[in-house]
Each structure stands twice: as structure tokens, then as C-alpha cells.
Amino acid sequence: MSSAAALPLVIQGGMGIGVSNWRLARSVSRRGDLGVVAGTVLDSLFVRRLQDGDLGGHLRRAMESFPIPEVSAAALTKYFRPGGKADDEPYVLLSMYRQTVDRMRDQVTMLANFVEVHLAKEGHDGPVGINLLTKVQMPNLASLYGAMLAGVDYVLMGAGIPREIPGALDAFAKGLKARLRFDVHGLDRGETEYLDFDPAEHWDGEAPTLKRPKFLPIISSDALARMLVRKANGRVDGFVIERPVAGGHNAPPRGAARYNERGEPVYGDRDEADLATMRELGLPFWIAGGAGSPERLQEVLDEGAAGIQVGTLFAYADESGIDRSLKDRVIRQVLSGEVDVVTDDRASPTGFPFKVVQLEGTNASRESYEARKRVCDLGYLREAYKDDDGRIRYKCASEPVKTYVKKGGRAEDTVGRKCLCNALMADIGHGQVRKDGSAERPILTSGDDLKNIGRFLDGRTRYDAGDVLDYLLSGVEQATPRERVMVAAGD
């Protein structure tokens, strides 16, 4: 059965921790395209914003609308610092996620995602989405539920195979418990572990029914799209096809590993999705990676796509969460022709290739990386494993080497691994201050297209999200979201 729906021509990418914040998403959504907030690590960012004094009072305003008021009250009591903490004072941390956490830990995550989506949707009726990483499993159910409490319209998920997410969205829409298979290394044959989230545990009475958002997996191949259409445990509403030139984590190349003279993984034709196959699936799809131009938008429309997802251009807009000084430095390098992006297959503890902007004084440089004392105190990219005693424990290739090896890891797997959790927090001005007075350094990620945005800048050193949309839509025959048919079984 088909239903008409207005599909966005442009999806603003869900970039990095706090880069795609509510301000950026709101600016895009008010124009009728799809603004997207980044949900990954949003719980930790939320409590840091509170400790910084909640400038403007936006978080507290949104918290007043959270439907479980005692959760907001408890979070304010524990984390809010009127006037903000001292610059040399470390942030108070949330406990790291585990397979099972107490109710309050999940509630902070619910609240953080609710607040971000609520603020992004404030004052307009445009669509708002949330982006989460499939691989960061443990907070995802609480994050999704919090976003749905705020009425999120789209859920976008990549960095893994989100086959069970549609079923979780269906369950939450009915107020029911959701369950995901938990990836744990070292399980015995036939043994399975799960992550569970039951909405009923957070309400005095029956959990409410909610709007079910549309679900768009972020994929790199048409084979994965076909598999999700057949085997996902609920409705898939479309796809974002992310090409290898996109920023952040990339899927590894298919086939035997090959590297160029800079040590970057080499991608080939097998790493590009076949658009003819995508058209045959009958679901809308958007192209991401190197798509940030009006010419490319028109090209993909002519190829049958619904539009494009754009990250890099939006990442340096005024509304994004990247620290202003970092934005200015990168834009100056773009204008001078000196900017460089390297695909580093060692940087991320996940083992996935990760795009890194080469910027002096950040953890992109070997000197800065090696000067940092290894610590893992946020833990979102840890992997779970079953220990010899039968208990589930956690390790990260960017934690102290001796600790990682003691947990059964290989020392060689730690080489070049960077703490993305702490570095990405530093990108947005919320880096941790250590006891010795040092501060966490940033590590910026952008797509390969960063070096090509000089044409868009046209000599400017600042711009906003509206400028990006005006540019992208300037050469399109139909420059407003078109009424098109979304084919989705069960609609």
C-alpha cells in the first residue's frame, strides 16, 4: 500500500557528537528539508551543558515539557550549575553504559534525546530526524525512546546493520518492551545476549502510545539494502547511501585491503551501490558523500534518488556545534587551498576507517596524540566480551595499553587508536579538563569534499544553514520538497 508523503530534497547529516545540534537541525527543518540531530553520546553532552550553566536556558525550557517531570527535577539537582562550573574544574561524568544499567541512567539518556529533538522541533512544523550509530549499542534503545517522546519524525542509523531497529520503533510506538541482540565477543555457540528497554518501567501507569518515526538505514551497498528489506524485523522506509568519501566512519573497502601512498584504504567500483538495484527496491533513497553541490543534487534526482544528504557544508555553518575557533581555522585553510583530509584506518577504536582533518594542535598530529595520557572514561566505543569467569566485560583499543592487554586484547591493536569520545567532545567546546590541568584536544572529521567547498564560500569566512540550502537548491529544476510517493509496506 502506498501513501503520499513530502520527501525532503536535502537531509542535513547527523555529524559527530553535538555538531548536528538542535540549532542546526531547527534551521534546516524550518525550511522544509530534514534537519537531523546527532543522538550518539548526547547523554554525556547534555549533562556537560547543564554543568556549563545552560546558557540561554534552552535545556531547562525543554525539560519542563518532558512528560516524566521527576526525571527533569533529578537531573537539574545533580548536574545543573547556575553560572557554570569553573574553567579548570573537571566535568562530573555519567557512569559508563553496560548491558544493564539502573533506571536513572537510562532516564538521563531519554531526557537528553527528548530535549534535543524538542528544541529542534520548536516553533515550526518541518520534519526532524535523529542519527544514531548502530555500533554504539548500549544507549540506543533509551535514546530512541526519548526521541520518540519528543515526536521525532525520522530515525537514521548506520555504522553497522540496524536490522532490529524497525521492530524496536514498532514496539515503542505501542508502549511495549523492545529488545536488541547484544554483540558480545567470546560467546559460546548458540549463546545470545540481549539489550532490553521496557517503557513501562518509567511510568506510574501504562506507557503511552507514540508516533512511529520513519526509519532510514545508512548503507554503503545495495546488497545491504536488499537484505534489510527482506530481513529487518519491521518496516524500512528508505535508505541513505553513504559513499566512501563521506566524513566520519566509513565502511571498509570490499575485497583484499589495498592502500595508497599516504596509507589510506583504496576504494573501488565494488564499494559503490548499484542505483539500478536501489530503484528496483521501490523505496526512496538519498545519496551521501561528495553530494554537496546543486549540480550533484540534480544529477541524483535524474538518477531516481529522492535527494542528497549533506554533512560537510553544514558542519561549518554558524549553527553547528563545532567550536568557532576551529571553524575559522578550517575555513581559512579551505580558502588558502591548504586543507587536507586523511582517511585513517587506525584512528578509531572500532577498526572502521575514519576521516580526519589535518589540523595542527589537534589529535590528528602524531605529537599531540602521543602526548595524551590514555584514558577511557566515556566508553561509548568499548566492545563487550565474555571473560573466562563467564561475566560480560568491556574493553577499548584506545584505553591504556596494559589495561587492554590484561583484558585479552592485543597490544598491536592499540597502535594509532585515538580516543574519539573525548576528542569529539573537545570539538564542540565541552572537552574534559584533567587533574593535571591539561585539556582534551579535538579531532575534526569531514568528508573529502571539504577541500572543494571554496566555490560555495566564494570568499566568505562565515555562513549559515540557510546559505547552504540556498546554494544546494539553486540549480534544481524544482527547488522545494516535492510531493512524491513513498512506497512502504504496512503504511
Protein backbone atom coordinates (compact mmCIF):
# COMPACT_ATOMS: atom_id res chain seq x y z
CA MET A 1 0.00 0.00 0.00
CA SER A 2 1.33 3.45 -0.86
CA SER A 3 0.87 6.78 0.82
CA ALA A 4 1.84 10.23 -0.42
CA ALA A 5 4.45 11.98 1.68
CA ALA A 6 6.56 15.09 1.18
CA LEU A 7 10.13 13.85 0.98
CA PRO A 8 13.00 16.23 1.64
CA LEU A 9 15.38 17.04 -1.17
CA VAL A 10 18.12 17.70 1.36
CA ILE A 11 18.91 15.76 4.53
CA GLN A 12 21.34 17.56 6.83
CA GLY A 13 23.84 14.96 8.01
CA GLY A 14 23.91 13.67 11.58
CA MET A 15 27.54 14.61 12.15
CA GLY A 16 29.62 13.90 15.21
CA ILE A 17 28.85 14.45 18.87
CA GLY A 18 26.92 17.70 19.15
CA VAL A 19 27.93 19.01 15.71
CA SER A 20 24.45 18.36 14.36
CA ASN A 21 22.81 20.08 17.30
CA TRP A 22 19.26 21.30 17.74
CA ARG A 23 20.06 24.78 16.42
CA LEU A 24 21.37 23.44 13.12
CA ALA A 25 18.58 20.90 12.72
CA ARG A 26 15.94 23.52 13.52
CA SER A 27 17.33 25.92 10.91
CA VAL A 28 17.14 23.23 8.21
CA SER A 29 13.76 21.85 9.24
CA ARG A 30 12.16 25.30 9.29
CA ARG A 31 12.91 25.46 5.58
CA GLY A 32 11.04 22.20 4.94
CA ASP A 33 14.00 19.89 4.46
CA LEU A 34 15.18 17.32 7.01
CA GLY A 35 17.20 18.65 9.92
CA VAL A 36 18.90 15.90 11.91
CA VAL A 37 20.26 15.92 15.46
CA ALA A 38 23.11 13.63 16.47
CA GLY A 39 21.97 11.34 19.28
CA THR A 40 25.22 9.49 19.93
CA VAL A 41 26.83 10.48 23.27
CA LEU A 42 24.05 13.03 23.71
CA ASP A 43 23.52 12.00 27.34
CA SER A 44 27.07 12.99 28.31
CA LEU A 45 26.89 16.19 26.27
CA PHE A 46 23.58 17.08 27.94
CA VAL A 47 24.95 16.90 31.48
CA ARG A 48 28.03 18.90 30.44
CA ARG A 49 25.80 21.63 29.02
CA LEU A 50 23.96 21.73 32.34
CA GLN A 51 27.25 21.97 34.23
CA ASP A 52 28.23 24.88 31.98
CA GLY A 53 25.15 26.74 33.19
CA ASP A 54 22.69 26.07 30.34
CA LEU A 55 23.36 29.34 28.55
CA GLY A 56 20.10 30.86 27.35
CA GLY A 57 18.04 28.47 29.48
CA HIS A 58 17.08 26.35 26.46
CA LEU A 59 17.67 22.97 28.10
CA ARG A 60 15.64 23.90 31.16
CA ARG A 61 12.81 25.21 28.99
CA ALA A 62 12.64 21.91 27.09
CA MET A 63 12.97 19.90 30.31
CA GLU A 64 9.73 21.46 31.53
CA SER A 65 7.95 19.63 28.70
CA PHE A 66 9.42 16.21 29.47
CA PRO A 67 6.42 14.05 30.39
CA ILE A 68 8.09 12.47 33.45
CA PRO A 69 8.81 15.63 35.49
CA GLU A 70 10.63 13.92 38.34
CA VAL A 71 13.36 12.89 35.88
CA SER A 72 13.96 16.51 34.89
CA ALA A 73 13.99 17.57 38.54
CA ALA A 74 16.55 14.92 39.48
CA ALA A 75 18.82 15.84 36.55
CA LEU A 76 18.74 19.53 37.46
CA THR A 77 19.53 18.80 41.09
CA LYS A 78 22.51 16.63 40.21
CA TYR A 79 24.06 18.38 37.22
CA PHE A 80 22.89 21.99 36.79
CA ARG A 81 25.41 24.63 37.87
CA PRO A 82 23.99 28.19 37.83
CA GLY A 83 26.61 30.38 36.22
CA GLY A 84 28.55 27.35 35.06
CA LYS A 85 31.49 25.44 36.50
CA ALA A 86 34.96 26.97 36.68
CA ASP A 87 37.05 26.61 33.51
CA ASP A 88 39.67 24.50 35.31
CA GLU A 89 37.10 22.27 37.02
CA PRO A 90 36.56 18.78 35.52
CA TYR A 91 33.08 17.78 34.38
CA VAL A 92 31.16 15.32 36.55
CA LEU A 93 30.76 12.17 34.48
CA LEU A 94 27.87 9.83 33.96
CA SER A 95 28.56 6.19 34.69
CA MET A 96 29.63 4.27 31.59
CA TYR A 97 26.96 2.19 29.91
CA ARG A 98 26.80 -1.54 30.47
CA GLN A 99 24.43 -4.25 29.33
CA THR A 100 22.18 -3.42 32.29
CA VAL A 101 22.07 -0.02 33.96
CA ASP A 102 19.84 1.43 36.67
CA ARG A 103 16.64 3.23 35.76
CA MET A 104 18.02 6.72 36.36
CA ARG A 105 20.93 6.15 33.97
CA ASP A 106 18.55 5.29 31.15
CA GLN A 107 16.30 8.19 32.11
CA VAL A 108 19.12 10.72 31.69
CA THR A 109 19.60 9.35 28.17
CA MET A 110 15.87 9.53 27.47
CA LEU A 111 15.76 13.10 28.75
CA ALA A 112 18.81 14.23 26.74
CA ASN A 113 17.38 12.92 23.47
CA PHE A 114 13.93 14.31 24.22
CA VAL A 115 15.37 17.76 24.90
CA GLU A 116 17.44 17.84 21.69
CA VAL A 117 14.55 16.77 19.48
CA HIS A 118 12.06 19.01 21.30
CA LEU A 119 14.25 22.08 20.76
CA ALA A 120 14.86 21.16 17.10
CA LYS A 121 11.08 20.95 16.53
CA GLU A 122 10.24 24.14 18.42
CA GLY A 123 8.32 26.84 16.52
CA HIS A 124 7.75 25.10 13.17
CA ASP A 125 6.15 22.00 11.65
CA GLY A 126 9.07 20.80 9.50
CA PRO A 127 10.44 17.25 9.87
CA VAL A 128 13.21 16.48 12.37
CA GLY A 129 15.33 13.34 12.44
CA ILE A 130 17.84 11.78 14.80
CA ASN A 131 21.03 9.97 13.81
CA LEU A 132 22.47 7.15 15.93
CA LEU A 133 25.35 4.72 15.41
CA THR A 134 24.25 1.09 15.35
CA LYS A 135 27.61 0.03 16.74
CA VAL A 136 27.14 2.16 19.89
CA GLN A 137 24.55 -0.32 21.06
CA MET A 138 24.04 0.14 24.76
CA PRO A 139 22.43 3.62 24.87
CA ASN A 140 20.44 3.25 21.64
CA LEU A 141 17.12 1.98 22.98
CA ALA A 142 16.85 4.67 25.65
CA SER A 143 17.94 7.27 23.07
CA LEU A 144 15.29 6.18 20.59
CA TYR A 145 12.56 6.17 23.21
CA GLY A 146 13.45 9.67 24.40
CA ALA A 147 13.46 10.97 20.82
CA MET A 148 10.07 9.36 20.18
CA LEU A 149 8.65 11.01 23.30
CA ALA A 150 9.53 14.30 21.60
CA GLY A 151 7.83 13.27 18.35
CA VAL A 152 10.89 12.67 16.18
CA ASP A 153 9.91 12.17 12.54
CA TYR A 154 12.86 10.15 11.16
CA VAL A 155 15.47 7.81 12.60
CA LEU A 156 18.70 7.37 10.62
CA MET A 157 21.24 4.73 11.63
CA GLY A 158 24.47 3.46 10.10
CA ALA A 159 27.84 2.12 11.34
CA GLY A 160 26.52 -1.41 11.44
CA ILE A 161 23.49 -3.40 10.31
CA PRO A 162 20.40 -1.98 12.08
CA ARG A 163 18.17 -4.93 11.26
CA GLU A 164 16.34 -4.94 14.60
CA ILE A 165 15.71 -1.20 14.92
CA PRO A 166 12.42 -1.14 12.95
CA GLY A 167 10.94 -3.66 15.38
CA ALA A 168 12.09 -1.54 18.33
CA LEU A 169 10.37 1.51 16.84
CA ASP A 170 7.18 -0.53 16.35
CA ALA A 171 7.30 -1.72 19.97
CA PHE A 172 7.90 1.74 21.42
CA ALA A 173 5.06 3.20 19.35
CA LYS A 174 2.76 0.74 21.14
CA GLY A 175 4.31 1.37 24.56
CA LEU A 176 5.86 -2.10 24.61
CA LYS A 177 9.27 -3.51 25.53
CA ALA A 178 11.98 -3.62 22.84
CA ARG A 179 14.94 -5.98 22.62
CA LEU A 180 18.16 -5.97 20.57
CA ARG A 181 20.78 -8.67 20.20
CA PHE A 182 23.90 -7.54 22.06
CA ASP A 183 27.20 -8.06 20.26
CA VAL A 184 29.48 -9.85 22.72
CA HIS A 185 32.77 -11.45 21.69
CA GLY A 186 33.55 -14.90 23.01
CA LEU A 187 30.04 -16.25 23.47
CA ASP A 188 29.58 -19.99 23.24
CA ARG A 189 27.92 -21.45 20.16
CA GLY A 190 24.18 -20.88 20.37
CA GLU A 191 24.53 -18.37 23.21
CA THR A 192 22.88 -14.96 22.76
CA GLU A 193 22.86 -11.84 24.91
CA TYR A 194 20.30 -9.05 24.69
CA LEU A 195 19.75 -5.39 25.47
CA ASP A 196 16.26 -4.66 26.79
CA PHE A 197 14.27 -1.48 27.34
CA ASP A 198 10.75 -1.52 28.77
CA PRO A 199 8.86 1.82 28.67
CA ALA A 200 6.52 0.59 31.43
CA GLU A 201 9.40 0.77 33.94
CA HIS A 202 9.46 4.56 33.59
CA TRP A 203 5.78 5.36 34.05
CA ASP A 204 3.49 5.12 37.06
CA GLY A 205 0.74 3.76 34.86
CA GLU A 206 0.56 2.39 31.34
CA ALA A 207 3.18 3.64 28.90
CA PRO A 208 1.68 5.94 26.23
CA THR A 209 1.38 5.10 22.56
CA LEU A 210 3.64 7.21 20.35
CA LYS A 211 4.07 8.19 16.71
CA ARG A 212 6.29 5.72 14.89
CA PRO A 213 9.05 7.62 13.04
CA LYS A 214 10.17 6.68 9.55
CA PHE A 215 13.34 4.61 9.51
CA LEU A 216 16.22 5.24 7.08
CA PRO A 217 19.22 2.91 7.40
CA ILE A 218 22.52 4.43 6.27
CA ILE A 219 24.16 1.88 3.97
CA SER A 220 27.14 1.57 1.67
CA SER A 221 25.95 -1.21 -0.66
CA ASP A 222 22.82 -2.27 -2.49
CA ALA A 223 23.34 -5.80 -1.11
CA LEU A 224 22.81 -4.49 2.42
CA ALA A 225 19.71 -2.61 1.28
CA ARG A 226 18.25 -5.79 -0.21
CA MET A 227 19.00 -7.73 2.96
CA LEU A 228 17.34 -5.14 5.18
CA VAL A 229 14.22 -5.05 3.03
CA ARG A 230 13.94 -8.84 3.35
CA LYS A 231 15.12 -9.47 6.89
CA ALA A 232 14.53 -6.37 9.01
CA ASN A 233 12.02 -7.08 11.77
CA GLY A 234 9.82 -4.14 10.81
CA ARG A 235 9.22 -1.53 8.15
CA VAL A 236 12.13 0.18 6.39
CA ASP A 237 11.05 3.49 4.83
CA GLY A 238 14.04 4.29 2.63
CA PHE A 239 17.84 4.45 2.58
CA VAL A 240 20.73 6.86 2.76
CA ILE A 241 23.54 5.55 0.54
CA GLU A 242 26.82 6.76 2.01
CA ARG A 243 29.79 6.76 -0.34
CA PRO A 244 33.39 6.26 0.87
CA VAL A 245 34.19 9.99 0.55
CA ALA A 246 31.74 10.87 3.34
CA GLY A 247 33.05 12.12 6.67
CA GLY A 248 33.21 10.25 9.97
CA HIS A 249 33.34 6.46 9.97
CA ASN A 250 33.41 4.73 6.58
CA ALA A 251 32.67 1.14 5.73
CA PRO A 252 35.94 -0.70 4.98
CA PRO A 253 36.66 -1.44 1.30
CA ARG A 254 35.33 -4.72 -0.05
CA GLY A 255 37.84 -7.35 -1.05
CA ALA A 256 41.57 -7.52 -0.31
CA ALA A 257 42.95 -4.50 1.54
CA ARG A 258 44.90 -2.03 -0.61
CA TYR A 259 46.45 1.29 0.40
CA ASN A 260 47.65 4.39 -1.41
CA GLU A 261 50.97 6.17 -0.86
CA ARG A 262 49.52 8.01 2.17
CA GLY A 263 48.45 4.78 3.84
CA GLU A 264 44.75 5.33 3.13
CA PRO A 265 42.49 2.40 2.20
CA VAL A 266 41.71 2.33 -1.52
CA TYR A 267 38.08 2.01 -2.62
CA GLY A 268 36.90 0.71 -5.97
CA ASP A 269 33.79 0.09 -8.05
CA ARG A 270 32.65 -2.68 -5.69
CA ASP A 271 32.28 -0.08 -2.96
CA GLU A 272 29.65 1.90 -4.87
CA ALA A 273 25.98 0.94 -4.56
CA ASP A 274 24.21 -0.01 -7.78
CA LEU A 275 21.46 2.56 -8.25
CA ALA A 276 19.50 0.40 -10.69
CA THR A 277 19.11 -2.16 -7.91
CA MET A 278 18.13 0.58 -5.47
CA ARG A 279 15.42 1.80 -7.84
CA GLU A 280 14.06 -1.72 -8.13
CA LEU A 281 13.52 -1.88 -4.37
CA GLY A 282 10.80 0.75 -4.72
CA LEU A 283 11.88 2.76 -1.69
CA PRO A 284 13.21 6.33 -1.70
CA PHE A 285 16.94 6.79 -1.31
CA TRP A 286 19.30 9.69 -0.77
CA ILE A 287 22.96 9.93 -1.80
CA ALA A 288 25.58 10.99 0.77
CA GLY A 289 29.28 11.69 0.33
CA GLY A 290 30.51 14.26 -2.18
CA ALA A 291 26.92 15.34 -2.81
CA GLY A 292 27.13 18.92 -1.57
CA SER A 293 26.52 20.88 -4.78
CA PRO A 294 23.46 21.93 -6.81
CA GLU A 295 24.79 20.02 -9.82
CA ARG A 296 25.10 16.81 -7.83
CA LEU A 297 21.62 17.22 -6.39
CA GLN A 298 20.14 17.50 -9.88
CA GLU A 299 22.20 14.51 -11.05
CA VAL A 300 20.96 12.20 -8.31
CA LEU A 301 17.38 13.33 -8.87
CA ASP A 302 17.80 12.41 -12.53
CA GLU A 303 19.13 9.00 -11.40
CA GLY A 304 15.97 8.34 -9.40
CA ALA A 305 17.10 9.40 -5.93
CA ALA A 306 14.86 11.40 -3.62
CA GLY A 307 17.72 13.80 -2.89
CA ILE A 308 21.02 14.12 -1.07
CA GLN A 309 22.40 14.01 2.46
CA VAL A 310 24.99 16.72 3.11
CA GLY A 311 27.32 16.90 6.08
CA THR A 312 30.50 18.86 5.43
CA LEU A 313 28.87 22.12 4.29
CA PHE A 314 26.53 22.13 7.28
CA ALA A 315 29.32 21.21 9.71
CA TYR A 316 30.96 24.63 9.33
CA ALA A 317 27.75 26.68 9.31
CA ASP A 318 27.22 29.16 12.14
CA GLU A 319 24.57 26.99 13.80
CA SER A 320 26.65 23.80 14.06
CA GLY A 321 28.24 22.81 17.34
CA ILE A 322 31.89 22.91 16.23
CA ASP A 323 33.85 25.43 18.29
CA ARG A 324 34.02 28.77 16.46
CA SER A 325 37.82 28.95 16.54
CA LEU A 326 38.10 25.53 14.89
CA LYS A 327 35.58 26.52 12.21
CA ASP A 328 37.54 29.66 11.46
CA ARG A 329 40.84 27.78 11.18
CA VAL A 330 39.42 25.20 8.80
CA ILE A 331 37.68 27.80 6.63
CA ARG A 332 40.93 29.76 6.37
CA GLN A 333 42.71 26.60 5.22
CA VAL A 334 39.98 25.92 2.65
CA LEU A 335 40.29 29.43 1.24
CA SER A 336 44.10 29.18 1.09
CA GLY A 337 43.98 25.74 -0.53
CA GLU A 338 45.90 24.14 2.34
CA VAL A 339 43.15 21.99 3.86
CA ASP A 340 43.70 18.22 3.91
CA VAL A 341 41.58 15.24 4.96
CA VAL A 342 43.10 11.80 5.56
CA THR A 343 41.19 8.52 5.74
CA ASP A 344 42.85 6.94 8.78
CA ASP A 345 42.09 3.26 9.28
CA ARG A 346 43.85 3.26 12.68
CA ALA A 347 42.29 6.31 14.36
CA SER A 348 39.00 4.78 15.51
CA PRO A 349 38.99 2.07 18.17
CA THR A 350 36.14 0.47 16.22
CA GLY A 351 38.52 -0.57 13.43
CA PHE A 352 36.45 1.30 10.83
CA PRO A 353 38.29 3.85 8.63
CA PHE A 354 37.75 7.38 9.96
CA LYS A 355 38.16 10.68 8.09
CA VAL A 356 40.45 13.15 9.93
CA VAL A 357 41.01 16.83 9.10
CA GLN A 358 44.75 17.56 9.34
CA LEU A 359 44.84 20.48 11.77
CA GLU A 360 47.83 21.42 13.91
CA GLY A 361 47.29 21.20 17.67
CA THR A 362 44.59 18.55 17.36
CA ASN A 363 44.90 14.80 17.84
CA ALA A 364 45.31 14.49 14.09
CA SER A 365 49.00 15.15 14.67
CA ARG A 366 51.22 12.35 15.93
CA GLU A 367 52.82 14.62 18.53
CA SER A 368 49.50 15.61 20.12
CA TYR A 369 48.23 12.04 20.04
CA GLU A 370 51.34 10.60 21.67
CA ALA A 371 51.44 13.35 24.33
CA ARG A 372 47.97 12.42 25.56
CA LYS A 373 47.75 10.11 28.56
CA ARG A 374 45.47 7.25 27.58
CA VAL A 375 42.20 7.17 29.50
CA CYS A 376 38.78 5.69 28.70
CA ASP A 377 36.17 7.38 30.89
CA LEU A 378 33.25 7.83 28.49
CA GLY A 379 33.36 4.37 26.96
CA TYR A 380 30.82 4.57 24.15
CA LEU A 381 33.07 2.71 21.68
CA ARG A 382 34.02 -0.11 24.02
CA GLU A 383 33.40 -3.65 22.82
CA ALA A 384 31.79 -6.23 25.07
CA TYR A 385 33.42 -9.61 25.61
CA LYS A 386 32.81 -12.67 27.74
CA ASP A 387 35.62 -13.20 30.22
CA ASP A 388 36.99 -16.54 31.41
CA ASP A 389 34.80 -16.25 34.50
CA GLY A 390 31.69 -16.09 32.30
CA ARG A 391 30.99 -12.42 33.01
CA ILE A 392 30.49 -9.75 30.34
CA ARG A 393 33.21 -7.12 30.49
CA TYR A 394 34.30 -4.23 28.27
CA LYS A 395 37.48 -3.09 26.56
CA CYS A 396 38.53 -0.33 24.17
CA ALA A 397 41.58 -0.25 21.92
CA SER A 398 42.22 3.39 22.87
CA GLU A 399 42.35 2.75 26.64
CA PRO A 400 45.73 2.28 28.42
CA VAL A 401 47.65 -0.43 26.59
CA LYS A 402 48.39 -2.52 29.68
CA THR A 403 44.73 -2.44 30.67
CA TYR A 404 43.63 -3.51 27.20
CA VAL A 405 46.13 -6.37 27.06
CA LYS A 406 45.15 -7.52 30.56
CA LYS A 407 41.60 -7.86 29.26
CA GLY A 408 42.77 -10.15 26.47
CA GLY A 409 43.36 -7.57 23.77
CA ARG A 410 46.45 -7.50 21.54
CA ALA A 411 48.95 -4.68 22.02
CA GLU A 412 49.26 -4.24 18.25
CA ASP A 413 45.55 -3.39 18.07
CA THR A 414 46.13 -0.28 20.21
CA VAL A 415 48.66 1.32 17.87
CA GLY A 416 47.36 4.61 16.49
CA ARG A 417 43.98 4.25 18.20
CA LYS A 418 42.62 7.60 19.36
CA CYS A 419 40.00 8.34 22.00
CA LEU A 420 37.25 9.68 19.75
CA CYS A 421 34.74 10.08 22.60
CA ASN A 422 36.84 12.69 24.40
CA ALA A 423 38.27 14.31 21.26
CA LEU A 424 34.86 14.83 19.65
CA MET A 425 33.62 16.44 22.88
CA ALA A 426 36.54 18.86 22.61
CA ASP A 427 35.46 19.71 19.02
CA ILE A 428 32.31 21.33 20.39
CA GLY A 429 33.85 23.18 23.34
CA HIS A 430 33.00 20.62 26.01
CA GLY A 431 36.34 18.83 26.36
CA GLN A 432 37.27 17.37 29.72
CA VAL A 433 39.82 19.07 31.97
CA ARG A 434 42.25 16.63 33.58
CA LYS A 435 43.60 16.71 37.14
CA ASP A 436 46.98 17.91 35.91
CA GLY A 437 45.33 20.93 34.30
CA SER A 438 45.57 19.66 30.74
CA ALA A 439 42.55 19.71 28.46
CA GLU A 440 41.43 17.14 25.93
CA ARG A 441 42.36 18.09 22.37
CA PRO A 442 39.91 17.91 19.46
CA ILE A 443 39.96 15.73 16.37
CA LEU A 444 37.86 17.02 13.48
CA THR A 445 36.25 14.81 10.87
CA SER A 446 34.93 15.95 7.48
CA GLY A 447 34.30 14.40 4.12
CA ASP A 448 36.81 14.51 1.29
CA ASP A 449 34.59 17.22 -0.20
CA LEU A 450 35.93 19.72 2.37
CA LYS A 451 38.69 20.79 0.00
CA ASN A 452 36.08 21.62 -2.66
CA ILE A 453 33.82 23.97 -0.70
CA GLY A 454 35.78 27.08 -1.70
CA ARG A 455 33.36 27.57 -4.59
CA PHE A 456 30.48 27.73 -2.14
CA LEU A 457 32.37 30.03 0.22
CA ASP A 458 33.13 32.46 -2.64
CA GLY A 459 35.48 34.40 -0.36
CA ARG A 460 33.18 34.35 2.69
CA THR A 461 34.56 33.35 6.06
CA ARG A 462 31.17 32.70 7.71
CA TYR A 463 27.77 31.45 6.59
CA ASP A 464 24.62 29.87 7.98
CA ALA A 465 22.44 26.85 7.21
CA GLY A 466 20.11 28.93 5.08
CA ASP A 467 23.03 29.87 2.84
CA VAL A 468 23.79 26.17 2.38
CA LEU A 469 20.21 25.35 1.40
CA ASP A 470 20.02 28.31 -0.98
CA TYR A 471 23.20 27.08 -2.67
CA LEU A 472 22.17 23.44 -2.90
CA LEU A 473 18.73 24.23 -4.29
CA SER A 474 19.90 26.99 -6.65
CA GLY A 475 20.30 24.78 -9.70
CA VAL A 476 17.45 22.36 -9.13
CA GLU A 477 14.52 22.42 -11.52
CA GLN A 478 12.09 22.10 -8.64
CA ALA A 479 13.65 23.78 -5.62
CA THR A 480 11.09 22.89 -2.97
CA PRO A 481 10.35 19.46 -1.45
CA ARG A 482 8.12 17.70 -3.95
CA GLU A 483 5.04 15.62 -3.26
CA ARG A 484 6.23 12.14 -4.12
CA VAL A 485 5.06 8.67 -3.32
CA MET A 486 6.77 6.77 -0.54
CA VAL A 487 6.18 3.06 -1.06
CA ALA A 488 6.25 1.29 2.29
CA ALA A 489 4.63 -2.00 3.13
CA GLY A 490 2.22 -1.67 6.03
CA ASP A 491 1.57 2.10 5.66
